Amino acid sequence: ITGDFVLTAKEVNPVINAMQDNGIEITALHSHMLDEKPRLFFMHFWANDDAQKLAKGLRAALDKVAVKKS
């Protein structure tokens, strides 16, 4: 898998931990803007492994993001 998340500052470390705990490598973490509120970070990731394992890892990371669930 490869992809990226847009995260607030307080979401960054919990998402990194969840992804690394599940074998997903963080390849970059950066910001595009200077004065946005809230501060946003772009986290890029990559992994090559069993599809179900990686899906569980992505779910664990998404559970750390403040997104309203339907």
Protein backbone atom coordinates (compact mmCIF):
# COMPACT_ATOMS: atom_id res chain seq x y z
CA ILE A 1 0.00 0.00 0.00
CA THR A 2 0.95 3.63 -0.37
CA GLY A 3 -0.91 6.76 0.50
CA ASP A 4 -1.13 9.77 2.72
CA PHE A 5 -3.16 11.29 5.52
CA VAL A 6 -3.81 14.92 6.37
CA LEU A 7 -3.64 15.21 10.15
CA THR A 8 -3.88 17.78 12.88
CA ALA A 9 -0.84 18.14 15.12
CA LYS A 10 -2.39 16.13 17.96
CA GLU A 11 -3.21 13.23 15.59
CA VAL A 12 0.33 12.82 14.21
CA ASN A 13 2.00 10.74 16.94
CA PRO A 14 -0.96 8.39 17.62
CA VAL A 15 -1.27 7.67 13.88
CA ILE A 16 2.48 7.10 13.52
CA ASN A 17 2.41 4.65 16.43
CA ALA A 18 -0.61 2.76 15.06
CA MET A 19 0.93 2.45 11.61
CA GLN A 20 4.38 1.40 12.82
CA ASP A 21 2.82 -1.14 15.20
CA ASN A 22 1.24 -2.71 12.11
CA GLY A 23 4.28 -2.76 9.84
CA ILE A 24 3.44 0.37 7.84
CA GLU A 25 6.39 2.66 7.20
CA ILE A 26 6.08 6.43 7.41
CA THR A 27 7.98 7.82 4.41
CA ALA A 28 7.43 11.55 4.95
CA LEU A 29 5.84 14.02 7.32
CA HIS A 30 5.57 17.66 6.33
CA SER A 31 3.42 20.76 6.20
CA HIS A 32 2.56 22.82 3.13
CA MET A 33 1.32 25.93 4.89
CA LEU A 34 2.68 28.36 7.45
CA ASP A 35 -0.18 29.84 9.46
CA GLU A 36 -3.18 27.53 9.03
CA LYS A 37 -5.43 26.88 12.00
CA PRO A 38 -5.56 24.11 12.98
CA ARG A 39 -2.02 23.20 11.97
CA LEU A 40 -2.10 20.43 9.33
CA PHE A 41 0.52 17.81 8.57
CA PHE A 42 0.78 15.53 5.55
CA MET A 43 1.93 12.01 6.38
CA HIS A 44 2.94 9.66 3.56
CA PHE A 45 3.17 5.92 4.11
CA TRP A 46 4.17 2.70 2.38
CA ALA A 47 4.07 -1.03 3.09
CA ASN A 48 4.22 -4.35 1.27
CA ASP A 49 2.63 -7.23 3.20
CA ASP A 50 -0.50 -9.32 3.57
CA ALA A 51 -3.55 -7.30 2.47
CA GLN A 52 -5.64 -8.14 5.55
CA LYS A 53 -2.79 -7.25 7.91
CA LEU A 54 -2.31 -3.91 6.20
CA ALA A 55 -6.05 -3.20 6.21
CA LYS A 56 -6.09 -3.77 9.97
CA GLY A 57 -3.14 -1.38 10.29
CA LEU A 58 -4.92 1.30 8.30
CA ARG A 59 -8.05 0.80 10.41
CA ALA A 60 -5.98 1.20 13.58
CA ALA A 61 -4.54 4.46 12.20
CA LEU A 62 -7.95 5.76 11.12
CA ASP A 63 -9.27 5.07 14.60
CA LYS A 64 -6.79 7.70 15.86
CA VAL A 65 -8.14 10.40 13.54
CA ALA A 66 -10.98 12.69 14.63
CA VAL A 67 -13.41 11.87 11.82
CA LYS A 68 -17.13 11.65 12.39
CA LYS A 69 -18.20 8.07 11.80
CA SER A 70 -21.51 7.48 10.05
